[in-house]
């Protein structure tokens, strides 16, 4: 069951923009997208770097010979199927940095920081007849951050998503009507905290940095 969380979140975010490479462009035409995922259930961090032509929705690019992208001073491995650079790190990385080095040896550095999110200490069952306030473990929302809660029914492979993006928020609210669309039983609650910011250092046409912290828990829906 633990593997489900990363599949739902990472797969949905990254495969939605996947394209096969078209013509190769030089780094002055790159758009750089950096992701740092952490799944608390797996205790696994995944730094991912994607380079596309001209803009975020352009064709994905393979770095030219001599160029390199690192995270925490270790080169990321190229994934030929996804056309991206990634690594698996079996621990939480609260602060790190991506370093892209072009063919001329020029470095472009983007720091990334993650804020944690977790479920309340006592959170094993919820009533579908009452609105649900989940006060998360972690700091209030900062600028550029938002929290999503996916409720996933593994029996029907059905899920519903709720979002909180109000600055300084400390909870996410699920109306009872949103709970009553599910059958009684155990659901997978997946809470994700994401920060999106502009890349501060880019070799080409700009970029974006995503920090994504994922926590999940099995919760029983009752009347």
Protein backbone atom coordinates (compact mmCIF):
# COMPACT_ATOMS: atom_id res chain seq x y z
CA UNK A 1 0.00 0.00 0.00
CA UNK A 2 2.85 2.42 0.72
CA UNK A 3 3.98 2.49 -2.91
CA UNK A 4 0.57 3.86 -3.90
CA UNK A 5 1.26 7.33 -2.52
CA UNK A 6 4.29 8.16 -4.62
CA UNK A 7 2.65 6.69 -7.72
CA UNK A 8 -0.45 8.83 -7.37
CA UNK A 9 1.37 12.08 -6.74
CA UNK A 10 4.61 11.81 -8.71
CA UNK A 11 3.07 10.01 -11.65
CA UNK A 12 0.24 12.50 -11.95
CA UNK A 13 2.48 15.55 -11.76
CA UNK A 14 5.21 14.45 -14.13
CA UNK A 15 3.64 12.26 -16.79
CA UNK A 16 1.05 14.91 -17.58
CA UNK A 17 3.70 17.01 -19.35
CA UNK A 18 5.77 14.22 -20.88
CA UNK A 19 6.69 14.61 -24.55
CA UNK A 20 9.16 12.88 -26.78
CA UNK A 21 12.21 14.99 -27.73
CA UNK A 22 11.82 16.94 -30.97
CA UNK A 23 14.94 18.76 -32.19
CA UNK A 24 17.84 19.37 -29.83
CA UNK A 25 18.30 22.93 -28.62
CA UNK A 26 21.20 24.50 -26.75
CA UNK A 27 20.97 25.50 -23.09
CA UNK A 28 20.08 29.12 -23.93
CA UNK A 29 16.65 27.80 -24.95
CA UNK A 30 16.09 25.54 -21.92
CA UNK A 31 13.23 25.92 -19.51
CA UNK A 32 14.29 24.23 -16.23
CA UNK A 33 11.84 22.43 -13.92
CA UNK A 34 13.13 21.13 -10.58
CA UNK A 35 11.14 18.91 -8.21
CA UNK A 36 11.96 17.62 -4.75
CA UNK A 37 9.46 15.01 -3.53
CA UNK A 38 9.50 13.47 -0.07
CA UNK A 39 7.16 10.60 0.86
CA UNK A 40 7.06 10.27 4.66
CA UNK A 41 5.55 6.77 4.45
CA UNK A 42 8.46 5.51 2.36
CA UNK A 43 11.06 7.82 3.96
CA UNK A 44 12.14 8.53 0.38
CA UNK A 45 13.22 11.76 -1.29
CA UNK A 46 13.21 12.10 -5.08
CA UNK A 47 14.98 15.05 -6.69
CA UNK A 48 13.99 15.37 -10.35
CA UNK A 49 15.22 17.79 -13.03
CA UNK A 50 13.47 18.28 -16.36
CA UNK A 51 14.71 20.46 -19.22
CA UNK A 52 12.30 21.45 -21.97
CA UNK A 53 12.62 23.53 -25.11
CA UNK A 54 11.48 27.16 -24.88
CA UNK A 55 8.87 26.82 -22.12
CA UNK A 56 7.46 24.47 -19.48
CA UNK A 57 5.33 22.64 -22.04
CA UNK A 58 8.04 22.22 -24.65
CA UNK A 59 9.72 19.00 -25.73
CA UNK A 60 11.94 17.41 -23.10
CA UNK A 61 15.66 17.63 -23.73
CA UNK A 62 18.67 15.38 -23.11
CA UNK A 63 21.65 17.33 -21.82
CA UNK A 64 24.55 17.68 -24.23
CA UNK A 65 27.80 15.86 -23.57
CA UNK A 66 29.74 17.79 -20.94
CA UNK A 67 26.67 19.23 -19.20
CA UNK A 68 25.51 17.84 -15.87
CA UNK A 69 22.85 18.30 -13.21
CA UNK A 70 23.49 17.47 -9.55
CA UNK A 71 21.53 17.41 -6.34
CA UNK A 72 23.46 17.60 -3.07
CA UNK A 73 26.70 17.30 -5.10
CA UNK A 74 25.68 13.96 -6.65
CA UNK A 75 24.88 13.70 -10.36
CA UNK A 76 21.29 12.76 -11.16
CA UNK A 77 20.70 9.69 -13.33
CA UNK A 78 19.05 10.08 -16.72
CA UNK A 79 15.75 8.23 -17.10
CA UNK A 80 15.39 7.41 -20.80
CA UNK A 81 11.69 6.57 -20.55
CA UNK A 82 10.69 9.78 -18.78
CA UNK A 83 13.40 11.96 -20.40
CA UNK A 84 14.38 13.43 -17.04
CA UNK A 85 17.13 13.32 -14.43
CA UNK A 86 16.42 11.82 -11.00
CA UNK A 87 17.70 10.08 -7.89
CA UNK A 88 16.31 8.19 -4.89
CA UNK A 89 17.52 9.29 -1.46
CA UNK A 90 16.37 7.18 1.49
CA UNK A 91 15.98 10.01 3.98
CA UNK A 92 14.28 13.37 4.45
CA UNK A 93 16.17 16.28 2.90
CA UNK A 94 14.88 19.53 4.45
CA UNK A 95 17.21 21.78 2.43
CA UNK A 96 19.15 20.98 -0.74
CA UNK A 97 20.27 22.49 -3.99
CA UNK A 98 20.18 21.64 -7.66
CA UNK A 99 23.32 22.55 -9.62
CA UNK A 100 23.14 22.59 -13.42
CA UNK A 101 26.51 22.89 -15.16
CA UNK A 102 26.50 23.75 -18.85
CA UNK A 103 29.05 22.60 -21.46
CA UNK A 104 31.20 25.66 -20.72
CA UNK A 105 31.43 24.87 -17.00
CA UNK A 106 29.06 27.64 -15.88
CA UNK A 107 27.01 26.65 -12.81
CA UNK A 108 23.37 27.56 -12.14
CA UNK A 109 22.32 26.89 -8.55
CA UNK A 110 18.78 26.68 -7.16
CA UNK A 111 18.21 26.00 -3.48
CA UNK A 112 15.09 24.16 -2.37
CA UNK A 113 13.54 23.85 1.08
CA UNK A 114 10.75 21.59 2.29
CA UNK A 115 8.16 22.24 4.99
CA UNK A 116 6.74 19.15 6.65
CA UNK A 117 3.10 18.20 6.97
CA UNK A 118 1.55 15.42 9.03
CA UNK A 119 -1.74 14.14 10.36
CA UNK A 120 -2.94 14.71 13.95
CA UNK A 121 -1.68 12.19 16.51
CA UNK A 122 -5.17 10.71 16.93
CA UNK A 123 -6.73 10.31 13.51
CA UNK A 124 -8.01 6.80 12.89
CA UNK A 125 -11.70 7.28 12.00
CA UNK A 126 -13.98 10.12 10.93
CA UNK A 127 -17.75 10.52 10.70
CA UNK A 128 -19.31 11.21 7.32
CA UNK A 129 -22.09 13.17 9.03
CA UNK A 130 -19.88 16.04 10.21
CA UNK A 131 -17.56 18.50 8.54
CA UNK A 132 -13.97 17.42 9.06
CA UNK A 133 -11.24 19.86 10.14
CA UNK A 134 -7.73 18.41 9.85
CA UNK A 135 -5.24 20.53 11.82
CA UNK A 136 -1.96 19.40 10.32
CA UNK A 137 1.41 18.98 11.98
CA UNK A 138 3.69 21.61 10.57
CA UNK A 139 3.93 25.36 10.10
CA UNK A 140 1.13 27.57 8.76
CA UNK A 141 1.05 27.99 4.99
CA UNK A 142 3.61 30.39 3.59
CA UNK A 143 3.52 32.39 0.36
CA UNK A 144 3.52 30.11 -2.69
CA UNK A 145 2.38 27.05 -0.72
CA UNK A 146 -0.81 25.01 -0.82
CA UNK A 147 -2.07 21.77 0.73
CA UNK A 148 -4.11 19.11 -1.02
CA UNK A 149 -5.90 16.16 0.54
CA UNK A 150 -6.71 13.16 -1.65
CA UNK A 151 -9.19 10.66 -0.25
CA UNK A 152 -8.69 7.42 -2.15
CA UNK A 153 -10.95 4.37 -2.10
CA UNK A 154 -8.71 1.42 -3.11
CA UNK A 155 -11.70 -0.86 -3.66
CA UNK A 156 -13.22 1.33 -6.38
CA UNK A 157 -10.01 3.13 -7.41
CA UNK A 158 -11.88 6.38 -6.86
CA UNK A 159 -10.54 9.53 -5.28
CA UNK A 160 -11.61 13.06 -4.47
CA UNK A 161 -9.24 16.01 -3.98
CA UNK A 162 -9.61 18.98 -1.62
CA UNK A 163 -7.32 22.03 -1.51
CA UNK A 164 -6.27 24.72 0.97
CA UNK A 165 -4.17 27.66 -0.25
CA UNK A 166 -5.01 30.47 2.16
CA UNK A 167 -1.91 32.16 3.60
CA UNK A 168 -1.25 31.30 7.28
CA UNK A 169 -3.74 28.40 7.21
CA UNK A 170 -3.19 25.62 9.73
CA UNK A 171 -5.96 23.23 8.68
CA UNK A 172 -7.88 21.84 5.74
CA UNK A 173 -11.66 21.42 5.94
CA UNK A 174 -13.62 18.61 4.26
CA UNK A 175 -17.39 19.20 4.21
CA UNK A 176 -19.54 16.26 5.23
CA UNK A 177 -21.01 16.22 1.71
CA UNK A 178 -17.54 15.50 0.40
CA UNK A 179 -17.23 12.51 2.71
CA UNK A 180 -20.67 11.05 1.98
CA UNK A 181 -19.75 10.35 -1.65
CA UNK A 182 -17.63 7.46 -0.34
CA UNK A 183 -18.79 4.10 0.97
CA UNK A 184 -18.11 3.16 4.58
CA UNK A 185 -14.76 1.53 5.21
CA UNK A 186 -11.05 2.23 5.19
CA UNK A 187 -9.81 4.98 2.86
CA UNK A 188 -6.33 6.20 2.08
CA UNK A 189 -5.90 9.86 3.09
CA UNK A 190 -2.99 11.45 1.19
CA UNK A 191 -1.98 14.94 2.31
CA UNK A 192 0.48 16.90 0.19
CA UNK A 193 2.18 20.20 0.91
CA UNK A 194 3.65 21.93 -2.13
CA UNK A 195 5.58 25.13 -2.68
CA UNK A 196 6.06 26.55 -6.18
CA UNK A 197 8.58 29.29 -6.87
CA UNK A 198 10.52 30.69 -9.79
CA UNK A 199 13.98 29.29 -10.43
CA UNK A 200 16.43 32.02 -9.41
CA UNK A 201 19.26 30.79 -11.62
CA UNK A 202 18.63 29.46 -15.12
CA UNK A 203 20.78 28.95 -18.21
CA UNK A 204 18.00 29.82 -20.60
CA UNK A 205 14.39 30.96 -20.58
CA UNK A 206 13.62 30.66 -16.88
CA UNK A 207 12.35 27.84 -14.74
CA UNK A 208 10.34 26.69 -11.75
CA UNK A 209 11.05 24.89 -8.47
CA UNK A 210 8.54 22.53 -6.82
CA UNK A 211 8.92 21.34 -3.22
CA UNK A 212 6.46 18.52 -2.46
CA UNK A 213 6.07 16.77 0.91
CA UNK A 214 3.67 13.79 1.02
CA UNK A 215 2.12 12.08 4.03
CA UNK A 216 -0.53 9.37 4.02
CA UNK A 217 -2.66 7.41 6.46
CA UNK A 218 -5.41 4.78 6.40
CA UNK A 219 -8.58 6.21 7.93
CA UNK A 220 -11.94 4.52 8.51
CA UNK A 221 -15.12 6.31 7.44
CA UNK A 222 -18.01 5.71 9.84
CA UNK A 223 -21.49 7.13 10.38
